[in-house]
Amino acid sequence: MSEIEMPIVEPHPISQAPVIVGLRKQPNYDFHPLVVGKPFRKEDIRIEEFDYQQPASSGLCLFGINDGCDMLESLRDRVWVNEYVLKGQLGRGTVQNKIRGKVNRECDYEHITHQHMSRFLMRLQAHYKKLAFELANVDLESQEAFELARKGLPRPKVLGAPVIYFIKLIHFHLPHFTINLHCVCKNDNFLQDFINEIALSLGSVASCRQLLRTQLGPFNCTHSLLDKHFTLKNILRNMQLCEKIIKYDEKTLDKEIVKATAQSSVDDILNDEFIEMLDEEEENETIDDCLRIPWGRTYE
C-alpha cells in the first residue's frame, strides 16, 4: 500500500495556536475498495469459449474476451482443423462412453491386434475422404473433384458435419491404444463415441481414457498459457499474439481446401519485438501484476 505524508500539528506552548512540528507517514486510502468501491465488476468482462469442451477433456482452449467474443462466430465459419490425441482402453465400456462414466459393460479384446486396428483405421480414413467430397457438394466423377484432390481435401460446406481427414494408430499395447486424429466440426461426445465405434467394428467395446487437443487451426500449444501464467501482463501479450495469428490466417486461408498450417511461416510473421513468448527464464520470473492490490480482494 502506498503511503502519504501528513503534517503533525501541535498547539504552541504559549499562544496555543496550532503549529506544524513535523511530518508523519500513513497509508493512502484514496484507492481503498472500502472508499472508492471495487475496481471492476463481473459485468465489465465478457468471456466466451470458441467451442464447448467437457471438464474431462484437456488441451488447447480458445476464448474470446470482451470485443473478441464478437469475432468467434466468424472464426467458427472458417471450419478450422483440430488435431487430437485420443487414448482408449479396450474391453470396458462406460455410460454414454464418457471418460469419467461408470463402467457398465465388459467384453473380450484379446483377438484384436495392431495390424487389425491399423487396417480398419485406414479404411475408415478412406470412407471419410469420400464423405468430405460429398459434404462439399462435389461429384467424385467430375473434373472439379480431380482438381480439389490434387490440391488437398475439400472443406465441408455443411457446417456442423464431423469430417475426419487423418487417423493414425500411434501406440498399441493391449488393452490400451492411442490414435492421432485430424478432424473438423467435432464435439467431445462424437470423439468419445468414435473410440467405442472403432472397438465395436473390431468385435469388442472400448472407452475413451483421455482426450487431448493439441492444435486448433493455426493455434497450437506453444501459443497457449498455463494456469501459472495467468497474469495481466501475460494475458495482454497473448491477446496480441492471437490477433496477429488470426490476421495471418485470414490472409492465407483457402476456403475450398483443407491444408496443414505452415508453422514456420506463422513463426516468421509473429517475429515482432512487442510479442515475446514465455521462455525458461520468464517462468521463474516474478511478474508484477498492476491489478494486484496489497490489501487483497476479499472483504468482509
C-alpha atoms as a PDB file:
ATOM      1  CA  MET A   1       0.000   0.000   0.000  1.00  0.00           C
ATOM      2  CA  SER A   2       1.320   3.447  -0.878  1.00  0.00           C
ATOM      3  CA  GLU A   3       1.948   5.961   1.870  1.00  0.00           C
ATOM      4  CA  ILE A   4       1.474   9.709   2.127  1.00  0.00           C
ATOM      5  CA  GLU A   5       2.990  12.290   4.442  1.00  0.00           C
ATOM      6  CA  MET A   6       0.651  14.095   6.818  1.00  0.00           C
ATOM      7  CA  PRO A   7       1.602  17.101   8.983  1.00  0.00           C
ATOM      8  CA  ILE A   8       1.938  16.691  12.749  1.00  0.00           C
ATOM      9  CA  VAL A   9       0.042  19.593  14.351  1.00  0.00           C
ATOM     10  CA  GLU A  10       0.540  20.530  17.995  1.00  0.00           C
ATOM     11  CA  PRO A  11      -0.540  23.616  19.978  1.00  0.00           C
ATOM     12  CA  HIS A  12       2.047  26.285  20.597  1.00  0.00           C
ATOM     13  CA  PRO A  13       3.135  26.170  24.247  1.00  0.00           C
ATOM     14  CA  ILE A  14       2.459  29.878  24.772  1.00  0.00           C
ATOM     15  CA  SER A  15      -0.187  31.020  22.291  1.00  0.00           C
ATOM     16  CA  GLN A  16      -1.834  27.604  21.913  1.00  0.00           C
ATOM     17  CA  ALA A  17      -2.047  28.248  18.172  1.00  0.00           C
ATOM     18  CA  PRO A  18      -1.803  25.099  16.000  1.00  0.00           C
ATOM     19  CA  VAL A  19       1.720  24.668  14.705  1.00  0.00           C
ATOM     20  CA  ILE A  20       3.142  22.086  12.312  1.00  0.00           C
ATOM     21  CA  VAL A  21       6.040  20.445  14.090  1.00  0.00           C
ATOM     22  CA  GLY A  22       6.828  17.653  11.620  1.00  0.00           C
ATOM     23  CA  LEU A  23       5.558  15.056   9.145  1.00  0.00           C
ATOM     24  CA  ARG A  24       4.379  11.516   9.626  1.00  0.00           C
ATOM     25  CA  LYS A  25       3.644   8.774   7.130  1.00  0.00           C
ATOM     26  CA  GLN A  26       0.318   6.964   6.956  1.00  0.00           C
ATOM     27  CA  PRO A  27      -1.396   4.634   4.475  1.00  0.00           C
ATOM     28  CA  ASN A  28      -3.068   6.267   1.485  1.00  0.00           C
ATOM     29  CA  TYR A  29      -6.721   5.231   1.437  1.00  0.00           C
ATOM     30  CA  ASP A  30      -7.616   7.138  -1.760  1.00  0.00           C
ATOM     31  CA  PHE A  31      -7.899   3.876  -3.737  1.00  0.00           C
ATOM     32  CA  HIS A  32      -9.004   1.529  -0.970  1.00  0.00           C
ATOM     33  CA  PRO A  33     -12.053  -0.564  -2.021  1.00  0.00           C
ATOM     34  CA  LEU A  34     -13.911   0.493   1.114  1.00  0.00           C
ATOM     35  CA  VAL A  35     -13.532   4.124  -0.034  1.00  0.00           C
ATOM     36  CA  VAL A  36     -13.919   4.013  -3.827  1.00  0.00           C
ATOM     37  CA  GLY A  37     -15.537   0.576  -4.290  1.00  0.00           C
ATOM     38  CA  LYS A  38     -14.320  -2.434  -6.258  1.00  0.00           C
ATOM     39  CA  PRO A  39     -12.033  -1.699  -9.242  1.00  0.00           C
ATOM     40  CA  PHE A  40     -14.224  -3.732 -11.638  1.00  0.00           C
ATOM     41  CA  ARG A  41     -17.389  -5.810 -11.697  1.00  0.00           C
ATOM     42  CA  LYS A  42     -18.144  -9.176 -13.268  1.00  0.00           C
ATOM     43  CA  GLU A  43     -20.315  -7.428 -15.861  1.00  0.00           C
ATOM     44  CA  ASP A  44     -17.277  -5.460 -17.103  1.00  0.00           C
ATOM     45  CA  ILE A  45     -15.578  -8.568 -18.529  1.00  0.00           C
ATOM     46  CA  ARG A  46     -17.155 -10.919 -21.080  1.00  0.00           C
ATOM     47  CA  ILE A  47     -15.602 -14.340 -21.668  1.00  0.00           C
ATOM     48  CA  GLU A  48     -16.896 -16.835 -24.233  1.00  0.00           C
ATOM     49  CA  GLU A  49     -15.349 -20.113 -25.361  1.00  0.00           C
ATOM     50  CA  PHE A  50     -14.774 -20.920 -29.026  1.00  0.00           C
ATOM     51  CA  ASP A  51     -16.341 -24.358 -28.615  1.00  0.00           C
ATOM     52  CA  TYR A  52     -17.523 -26.348 -25.629  1.00  0.00           C
ATOM     53  CA  GLN A  53     -15.142 -28.805 -24.030  1.00  0.00           C
ATOM     54  CA  GLN A  54     -16.225 -31.185 -21.311  1.00  0.00           C
ATOM     55  CA  PRO A  55     -14.485 -30.987 -17.924  1.00  0.00           C
ATOM     56  CA  ALA A  56     -12.793 -34.346 -18.566  1.00  0.00           C
ATOM     57  CA  SER A  57     -11.218 -33.071 -21.804  1.00  0.00           C
ATOM     58  CA  SER A  58      -7.860 -31.331 -21.919  1.00  0.00           C
ATOM     59  CA  GLY A  59      -5.576 -29.460 -24.251  1.00  0.00           C
ATOM     60  CA  LEU A  60      -5.900 -26.275 -26.237  1.00  0.00           C
ATOM     61  CA  CYS A  61      -8.828 -23.933 -25.472  1.00  0.00           C
ATOM     62  CA  LEU A  62      -9.632 -20.710 -27.317  1.00  0.00           C
ATOM     63  CA  PHE A  63     -11.545 -17.919 -25.583  1.00  0.00           C
ATOM     64  CA  GLY A  64     -12.877 -14.544 -26.610  1.00  0.00           C
ATOM     65  CA  ILE A  65     -12.595 -11.636 -24.170  1.00  0.00           C
ATOM     66  CA  ASN A  66     -14.885  -8.603 -24.452  1.00  0.00           C
ATOM     67  CA  ASP A  67     -14.771  -7.468 -28.122  1.00  0.00           C
ATOM     68  CA  GLY A  68     -13.126 -10.777 -29.008  1.00  0.00           C
ATOM     69  CA  CYS A  69     -16.429 -12.530 -28.244  1.00  0.00           C
ATOM     70  CA  ASP A  70     -17.956 -10.831 -31.294  1.00  0.00           C
ATOM     71  CA  MET A  71     -15.297 -12.422 -33.534  1.00  0.00           C
ATOM     72  CA  LEU A  72     -15.965 -16.014 -32.513  1.00  0.00           C
ATOM     73  CA  GLU A  73     -18.850 -16.616 -34.934  1.00  0.00           C
ATOM     74  CA  SER A  74     -16.777 -15.563 -37.940  1.00  0.00           C
ATOM     75  CA  LEU A  75     -13.895 -17.748 -36.714  1.00  0.00           C
ATOM     76  CA  ARG A  76     -16.205 -20.758 -36.462  1.00  0.00           C
ATOM     77  CA  ASP A  77     -17.190 -20.246 -40.096  1.00  0.00           C
ATOM     78  CA  ARG A  78     -13.552 -20.842 -41.094  1.00  0.00           C
ATOM     79  CA  VAL A  79     -14.011 -24.546 -40.195  1.00  0.00           C
ATOM     80  CA  TRP A  80     -10.573 -24.996 -38.690  1.00  0.00           C
ATOM     81  CA  VAL A  81      -8.996 -28.452 -38.499  1.00  0.00           C
ATOM     82  CA  ASN A  82      -8.486 -29.778 -34.964  1.00  0.00           C
ATOM     83  CA  GLU A  83      -5.742 -32.212 -34.031  1.00  0.00           C
ATOM     84  CA  TYR A  84      -6.345 -34.651 -31.171  1.00  0.00           C
ATOM     85  CA  VAL A  85      -4.573 -37.384 -29.303  1.00  0.00           C
ATOM     86  CA  LEU A  86      -7.152 -39.929 -28.109  1.00  0.00           C
ATOM     87  CA  LYS A  87      -6.340 -42.689 -25.658  1.00  0.00           C
ATOM     88  CA  GLY A  88      -8.710 -45.636 -25.353  1.00  0.00           C
ATOM     89  CA  GLN A  89      -8.992 -48.849 -23.396  1.00  0.00           C
ATOM     90  CA  LEU A  90     -10.410 -51.989 -24.958  1.00  0.00           C
ATOM     91  CA  GLY A  91     -12.690 -54.384 -23.122  1.00  0.00           C
ATOM     92  CA  ARG A  92     -14.544 -51.838 -20.977  1.00  0.00           C
ATOM     93  CA  GLY A  93     -17.491 -49.616 -21.822  1.00  0.00           C
ATOM     94  CA  THR A  94     -18.863 -46.724 -19.813  1.00  0.00           C
ATOM     95  CA  VAL A  95     -22.214 -44.986 -19.536  1.00  0.00           C
ATOM     96  CA  GLN A  96     -22.676 -42.876 -22.719  1.00  0.00           C
ATOM     97  CA  ASN A  97     -18.977 -43.616 -23.466  1.00  0.00           C
ATOM     98  CA  LYS A  98     -17.936 -40.830 -21.084  1.00  0.00           C
ATOM     99  CA  ILE A  99     -14.328 -40.582 -19.918  1.00  0.00           C
ATOM    100  CA  ARG A 100     -15.416 -40.471 -16.282  1.00  0.00           C
ATOM    101  CA  GLY A 101     -18.507 -42.602 -16.792  1.00  0.00           C
ATOM    102  CA  LYS A 102     -19.312 -45.682 -14.750  1.00  0.00           C
ATOM    103  CA  VAL A 103     -18.255 -48.994 -16.311  1.00  0.00           C
ATOM    104  CA  ASN A 104     -21.427 -50.794 -17.428  1.00  0.00           C
ATOM    105  CA  ARG A 105     -20.175 -53.479 -19.844  1.00  0.00           C
ATOM    106  CA  GLU A 106     -17.119 -55.617 -20.499  1.00  0.00           C
ATOM    107  CA  CYS A 107     -16.013 -57.682 -23.483  1.00  0.00           C
ATOM    108  CA  ASP A 108     -13.100 -59.802 -24.702  1.00  0.00           C
ATOM    109  CA  TYR A 109     -10.424 -57.988 -26.674  1.00  0.00           C
ATOM    110  CA  GLU A 110      -7.505 -60.474 -26.974  1.00  0.00           C
ATOM    111  CA  HIS A 111      -8.339 -61.150 -30.640  1.00  0.00           C
ATOM    112  CA  ILE A 112      -7.607 -57.530 -31.633  1.00  0.00           C
ATOM    113  CA  THR A 113      -4.089 -56.895 -32.944  1.00  0.00           C
ATOM    114  CA  HIS A 114      -2.138 -53.852 -34.019  1.00  0.00           C
ATOM    115  CA  GLN A 115      -2.482 -54.873 -37.663  1.00  0.00           C
ATOM    116  CA  HIS A 116      -6.252 -55.331 -37.442  1.00  0.00           C
ATOM    117  CA  MET A 117      -6.781 -51.900 -35.918  1.00  0.00           C
ATOM    118  CA  SER A 118      -4.376 -50.163 -38.321  1.00  0.00           C
ATOM    119  CA  ARG A 119      -6.101 -51.646 -41.368  1.00  0.00           C
ATOM    120  CA  PHE A 120      -9.528 -50.667 -40.063  1.00  0.00           C
ATOM    121  CA  LEU A 121      -8.402 -47.073 -39.432  1.00  0.00           C
ATOM    122  CA  MET A 122      -7.048 -46.867 -42.985  1.00  0.00           C
ATOM    123  CA  ARG A 123     -10.405 -47.998 -44.388  1.00  0.00           C
ATOM    124  CA  LEU A 124     -12.177 -45.548 -42.111  1.00  0.00           C
ATOM    125  CA  GLN A 125      -9.980 -42.691 -43.315  1.00  0.00           C
ATOM    126  CA  ALA A 126     -10.790 -43.580 -46.938  1.00  0.00           C
ATOM    127  CA  HIS A 127     -14.504 -43.557 -46.090  1.00  0.00           C
ATOM    128  CA  TYR A 128     -14.285 -40.072 -44.558  1.00  0.00           C
ATOM    129  CA  LYS A 129     -12.245 -38.859 -47.521  1.00  0.00           C
ATOM    130  CA  LYS A 130     -15.123 -39.800 -49.794  1.00  0.00           C
ATOM    131  CA  LEU A 131     -17.576 -38.211 -47.354  1.00  0.00           C
ATOM    132  CA  ALA A 132     -15.594 -34.955 -47.456  1.00  0.00           C
ATOM    133  CA  PHE A 133     -16.304 -34.580 -51.195  1.00  0.00           C
ATOM    134  CA  GLU A 134     -19.990 -35.317 -50.645  1.00  0.00           C
ATOM    135  CA  LEU A 135     -20.277 -32.679 -47.909  1.00  0.00           C
ATOM    136  CA  ALA A 136     -18.510 -30.204 -50.204  1.00  0.00           C
ATOM    137  CA  ASN A 137     -21.218 -30.837 -52.852  1.00  0.00           C
ATOM    138  CA  VAL A 138     -18.646 -32.097 -55.353  1.00  0.00           C
ATOM    139  CA  ASP A 139     -19.259 -35.000 -57.748  1.00  0.00           C
ATOM    140  CA  LEU A 140     -16.499 -37.592 -57.350  1.00  0.00           C
ATOM    141  CA  GLU A 141     -16.512 -38.248 -61.104  1.00  0.00           C
ATOM    142  CA  SER A 142     -16.121 -34.571 -62.081  1.00  0.00           C
ATOM    143  CA  GLN A 143     -13.101 -32.541 -63.107  1.00  0.00           C
ATOM    144  CA  GLU A 144     -13.701 -30.292 -60.083  1.00  0.00           C
ATOM    145  CA  ALA A 145     -13.197 -33.261 -57.773  1.00  0.00           C
ATOM    146  CA  PHE A 146      -9.934 -34.090 -59.536  1.00  0.00           C
ATOM    147  CA  GLU A 147      -8.633 -30.533 -59.148  1.00  0.00           C
ATOM    148  CA  LEU A 148      -9.615 -30.432 -55.477  1.00  0.00           C
ATOM    149  CA  ALA A 149      -7.996 -33.796 -54.786  1.00  0.00           C
ATOM    150  CA  ARG A 150      -4.805 -32.603 -56.473  1.00  0.00           C
ATOM    151  CA  LYS A 151      -4.577 -29.635 -54.093  1.00  0.00           C
ATOM    152  CA  GLY A 152      -5.818 -31.342 -50.924  1.00  0.00           C
ATOM    153  CA  LEU A 153      -9.110 -32.283 -49.321  1.00  0.00           C
ATOM    154  CA  PRO A 154     -12.248 -30.158 -49.728  1.00  0.00           C
ATOM    155  CA  ARG A 155     -13.512 -28.056 -46.865  1.00  0.00           C
ATOM    156  CA  PRO A 156     -17.074 -29.118 -45.914  1.00  0.00           C
ATOM    157  CA  LYS A 157     -19.863 -26.775 -46.967  1.00  0.00           C
ATOM    158  CA  VAL A 158     -22.290 -28.294 -44.464  1.00  0.00           C
ATOM    159  CA  LEU A 159     -21.398 -26.677 -41.136  1.00  0.00           C
ATOM    160  CA  GLY A 160     -21.600 -28.946 -38.118  1.00  0.00           C
ATOM    161  CA  ALA A 161     -20.903 -32.179 -40.015  1.00  0.00           C
ATOM    162  CA  PRO A 162     -17.895 -34.007 -38.499  1.00  0.00           C
ATOM    163  CA  VAL A 163     -15.251 -34.970 -41.050  1.00  0.00           C
ATOM    164  CA  ILE A 164     -12.060 -36.867 -40.249  1.00  0.00           C
ATOM    165  CA  TYR A 165      -9.115 -36.116 -42.545  1.00  0.00           C
ATOM    166  CA  PHE A 166      -6.375 -38.162 -40.901  1.00  0.00           C
ATOM    167  CA  ILE A 167      -6.270 -41.123 -38.497  1.00  0.00           C
ATOM    168  CA  LYS A 168      -3.162 -42.913 -37.323  1.00  0.00           C
ATOM    169  CA  LEU A 169      -2.567 -45.526 -34.644  1.00  0.00           C
ATOM    170  CA  ILE A 170       0.482 -44.256 -32.758  1.00  0.00           C
ATOM    171  CA  HIS A 171       0.505 -46.668 -29.801  1.00  0.00           C
ATOM    172  CA  PHE A 172      -0.930 -50.133 -29.216  1.00  0.00           C
ATOM    173  CA  HIS A 173      -0.440 -52.275 -26.137  1.00  0.00           C
ATOM    174  CA  LEU A 174      -3.456 -54.326 -25.115  1.00  0.00           C
ATOM    175  CA  PRO A 175      -5.799 -53.217 -23.751  1.00  0.00           C
ATOM    176  CA  HIS A 176      -4.625 -49.629 -24.303  1.00  0.00           C
ATOM    177  CA  PHE A 177      -4.229 -47.809 -27.623  1.00  0.00           C
ATOM    178  CA  THR A 178      -3.619 -44.219 -28.765  1.00  0.00           C
ATOM    179  CA  ILE A 179      -4.634 -42.601 -32.041  1.00  0.00           C
ATOM    180  CA  ASN A 180      -3.800 -39.279 -33.652  1.00  0.00           C
ATOM    181  CA  LEU A 181      -6.825 -37.632 -35.257  1.00  0.00           C
ATOM    182  CA  HIS A 182      -7.355 -34.587 -37.515  1.00  0.00           C
ATOM    183  CA  CYS A 183     -10.974 -33.535 -37.914  1.00  0.00           C
ATOM    184  CA  VAL A 184     -13.364 -30.602 -38.261  1.00  0.00           C
ATOM    185  CA  CYS A 185     -16.748 -29.765 -36.747  1.00  0.00           C
ATOM    186  CA  LYS A 186     -16.327 -32.135 -33.855  1.00  0.00           C
ATOM    187  CA  ASN A 187     -17.593 -32.282 -30.317  1.00  0.00           C
ATOM    188  CA  ASP A 188     -16.367 -34.266 -27.349  1.00  0.00           C
ATOM    189  CA  ASN A 189     -19.316 -36.649 -27.461  1.00  0.00           C
ATOM    190  CA  PHE A 190     -18.502 -37.551 -31.081  1.00  0.00           C
ATOM    191  CA  LEU A 191     -14.874 -38.310 -30.233  1.00  0.00           C
ATOM    192  CA  GLN A 192     -15.747 -40.448 -27.211  1.00  0.00           C
ATOM    193  CA  ASP A 193     -18.334 -42.367 -29.231  1.00  0.00           C
ATOM    194  CA  PHE A 194     -15.774 -42.707 -32.035  1.00  0.00           C
ATOM    195  CA  ILE A 195     -13.417 -44.660 -29.756  1.00  0.00           C
ATOM    196  CA  ASN A 196     -16.194 -47.116 -28.922  1.00  0.00           C
ATOM    197  CA  GLU A 197     -17.266 -47.430 -32.588  1.00  0.00           C
ATOM    198  CA  ILE A 198     -13.728 -48.497 -33.501  1.00  0.00           C
ATOM    199  CA  ALA A 199     -13.875 -51.276 -30.916  1.00  0.00           C
ATOM    200  CA  LEU A 200     -17.380 -52.353 -31.956  1.00  0.00           C
ATOM    201  CA  SER A 201     -16.202 -52.738 -35.548  1.00  0.00           C
ATOM    202  CA  LEU A 202     -13.410 -54.992 -34.275  1.00  0.00           C
ATOM    203  CA  GLY A 203     -15.708 -57.131 -32.131  1.00  0.00           C
ATOM    204  CA  SER A 204     -15.241 -55.572 -28.718  1.00  0.00           C
ATOM    205  CA  VAL A 205     -16.028 -52.433 -26.707  1.00  0.00           C
ATOM    206  CA  ALA A 206     -13.837 -49.562 -25.595  1.00  0.00           C
ATOM    207  CA  SER A 207     -13.937 -46.342 -23.645  1.00  0.00           C
ATOM    208  CA  CYS A 208     -12.022 -43.110 -24.058  1.00  0.00           C
ATOM    209  CA  ARG A 209      -9.470 -42.589 -21.285  1.00  0.00           C
ATOM    210  CA  GLN A 210      -8.003 -39.270 -22.404  1.00  0.00           C
ATOM    211  CA  LEU A 211      -8.999 -36.595 -24.908  1.00  0.00           C
ATOM    212  CA  LEU A 212      -6.252 -34.083 -25.647  1.00  0.00           C
ATOM    213  CA  ARG A 213      -6.486 -31.334 -28.274  1.00  0.00           C
ATOM    214  CA  THR A 214      -3.012 -30.359 -29.476  1.00  0.00           C
ATOM    215  CA  GLN A 215      -3.945 -27.959 -32.296  1.00  0.00           C
ATOM    216  CA  LEU A 216      -6.873 -25.749 -33.251  1.00  0.00           C
ATOM    217  CA  GLY A 217      -6.485 -24.341 -36.760  1.00  0.00           C
ATOM    218  CA  PRO A 218      -3.404 -22.073 -36.729  1.00  0.00           C
ATOM    219  CA  PHE A 219      -3.086 -22.290 -32.933  1.00  0.00           C
ATOM    220  CA  ASN A 220      -1.019 -24.890 -31.111  1.00  0.00           C
ATOM    221  CA  CYS A 221       0.225 -25.408 -27.577  1.00  0.00           C
ATOM    222  CA  THR A 222       3.155 -23.008 -27.990  1.00  0.00           C
ATOM    223  CA  HIS A 223       0.648 -20.158 -28.338  1.00  0.00           C
ATOM    224  CA  SER A 224      -1.249 -21.006 -25.150  1.00  0.00           C
ATOM    225  CA  LEU A 225      -0.975 -20.004 -21.493  1.00  0.00           C
ATOM    226  CA  LEU A 226      -0.885 -22.318 -18.498  1.00  0.00           C
ATOM    227  CA  ASP A 227      -2.708 -21.507 -15.286  1.00  0.00           C
ATOM    228  CA  LYS A 228       0.532 -20.406 -13.647  1.00  0.00           C
ATOM    229  CA  HIS A 229       0.966 -17.768 -16.395  1.00  0.00           C
ATOM    230  CA  PHE A 230      -2.424 -16.098 -15.801  1.00  0.00           C
ATOM    231  CA  THR A 231      -1.306 -12.549 -15.048  1.00  0.00           C
ATOM    232  CA  LEU A 232      -2.434  -9.331 -16.657  1.00  0.00           C
ATOM    233  CA  LYS A 233       0.865  -8.885 -18.482  1.00  0.00           C
ATOM    234  CA  ASN A 234       0.842 -12.372 -19.989  1.00  0.00           C
ATOM    235  CA  ILE A 235      -2.849 -12.249 -20.944  1.00  0.00           C
ATOM    236  CA  LEU A 236      -2.428  -8.930 -22.798  1.00  0.00           C
ATOM    237  CA  ARG A 237       0.674 -10.281 -24.528  1.00  0.00           C
ATOM    238  CA  ASN A 238      -1.179 -13.449 -25.539  1.00  0.00           C
ATOM    239  CA  MET A 239      -4.113 -11.415 -26.893  1.00  0.00           C
ATOM    240  CA  GLN A 240      -1.655  -9.507 -29.115  1.00  0.00           C
ATOM    241  CA  LEU A 241      -0.158 -12.759 -30.329  1.00  0.00           C
ATOM    242  CA  CYS A 242      -3.561 -14.331 -31.097  1.00  0.00           C
ATOM    243  CA  GLU A 243      -4.645 -11.234 -33.010  1.00  0.00           C
ATOM    244  CA  LYS A 244      -1.599 -11.491 -35.269  1.00  0.00           C
ATOM    245  CA  ILE A 245      -2.185 -15.225 -35.837  1.00  0.00           C
ATOM    246  CA  ILE A 246      -5.819 -14.612 -36.803  1.00  0.00           C
ATOM    247  CA  LYS A 247      -4.878 -11.837 -39.251  1.00  0.00           C
ATOM    248  CA  TYR A 248      -2.209 -14.031 -40.822  1.00  0.00           C
ATOM    249  CA  ASP A 249      -4.645 -16.942 -41.086  1.00  0.00           C
ATOM    250  CA  GLU A 250      -7.208 -14.690 -42.783  1.00  0.00           C
ATOM    251  CA  LYS A 251      -4.670 -13.834 -45.491  1.00  0.00           C
ATOM    252  CA  THR A 252      -3.619 -17.436 -46.139  1.00  0.00           C
ATOM    253  CA  LEU A 253      -6.953 -19.246 -45.606  1.00  0.00           C
ATOM    254  CA  ASP A 254      -8.186 -21.314 -48.542  1.00  0.00           C
ATOM    255  CA  LYS A 255     -11.983 -21.522 -48.311  1.00  0.00           C
ATOM    256  CA  GLU A 256     -12.110 -24.542 -50.624  1.00  0.00           C
ATOM    257  CA  ILE A 257      -9.191 -26.678 -49.471  1.00  0.00           C
ATOM    258  CA  VAL A 258      -8.117 -28.005 -46.087  1.00  0.00           C
ATOM    259  CA  LYS A 259      -4.364 -27.965 -45.730  1.00  0.00           C
ATOM    260  CA  ALA A 260      -1.865 -28.061 -42.901  1.00  0.00           C
ATOM    261  CA  THR A 261      -0.750 -24.737 -41.446  1.00  0.00           C
ATOM    262  CA  ALA A 262       2.848 -23.918 -42.268  1.00  0.00           C
ATOM    263  CA  GLN A 263       4.029 -23.302 -38.734  1.00  0.00           C
ATOM    264  CA  SER A 264       7.387 -21.897 -39.790  1.00  0.00           C
ATOM    265  CA  SER A 265       5.646 -19.154 -41.762  1.00  0.00           C
ATOM    266  CA  VAL A 266       3.460 -18.313 -38.787  1.00  0.00           C
ATOM    267  CA  ASP A 267       6.529 -18.056 -36.574  1.00  0.00           C
ATOM    268  CA  ASP A 268       8.121 -15.694 -39.085  1.00  0.00           C
ATOM    269  CA  ILE A 269       5.083 -13.438 -39.209  1.00  0.00           C
ATOM    270  CA  LEU A 270       4.991 -13.337 -35.396  1.00  0.00           C
ATOM    271  CA  ASN A 271       8.605 -12.266 -35.099  1.00  0.00           C
ATOM    272  CA  ASP A 272       7.756  -8.919 -33.547  1.00  0.00           C
ATOM    273  CA  GLU A 273       9.618  -7.009 -30.873  1.00  0.00           C
ATOM    274  CA  PHE A 274       6.393  -6.379 -28.992  1.00  0.00           C
ATOM    275  CA  ILE A 275       5.470 -10.074 -28.751  1.00  0.00           C
ATOM    276  CA  GLU A 276       7.716 -12.484 -26.908  1.00  0.00           C
ATOM    277  CA  MET A 277       6.731 -15.993 -25.917  1.00  0.00           C
ATOM    278  CA  LEU A 278       7.408 -17.292 -22.443  1.00  0.00           C
ATOM    279  CA  ASP A 279      10.804 -18.918 -22.088  1.00  0.00           C
ATOM    280  CA  GLU A 280      12.503 -20.787 -19.277  1.00  0.00           C
ATOM    281  CA  GLU A 281      13.776 -17.603 -17.648  1.00  0.00           C
ATOM    282  CA  GLU A 282      10.353 -15.960 -17.624  1.00  0.00           C
ATOM    283  CA  GLU A 283       8.763 -18.975 -15.953  1.00  0.00           C
ATOM    284  CA  ASN A 284      10.890 -18.348 -12.871  1.00  0.00           C
ATOM    285  CA  GLU A 285      10.483 -14.586 -13.040  1.00  0.00           C
ATOM    286  CA  THR A 286       8.254 -12.820 -10.528  1.00  0.00           C
ATOM    287  CA  ILE A 287       5.868 -10.716 -12.597  1.00  0.00           C
ATOM    288  CA  ASP A 288       4.233  -7.645 -11.084  1.00  0.00           C
ATOM    289  CA  ASP A 289       0.501  -7.519 -11.637  1.00  0.00           C
ATOM    290  CA  CYS A 290      -0.817  -3.980 -11.834  1.00  0.00           C
ATOM    291  CA  LEU A 291      -4.211  -5.226 -10.607  1.00  0.00           C
ATOM    292  CA  ARG A 292      -2.739  -6.914  -7.538  1.00  0.00           C
ATOM    293  CA  ILE A 293      -3.711  -4.813  -4.515  1.00  0.00           C
ATOM    294  CA  PRO A 294      -1.647  -5.055  -1.294  1.00  0.00           C
ATOM    295  CA  TRP A 295      -4.709  -5.402   0.936  1.00  0.00           C
ATOM    296  CA  GLY A 296      -6.227  -8.239  -1.109  1.00  0.00           C
ATOM    297  CA  ARG A 297      -9.599  -8.604  -2.807  1.00  0.00           C
ATOM    298  CA  THR A 298     -11.708 -10.424  -0.228  1.00  0.00           C
ATOM    299  CA  TYR A 299     -13.533  -8.061   2.079  1.00  0.00           C
ATOM    300  CA  GLU A 300     -15.861  -8.863   4.943  1.00  0.00           C
END
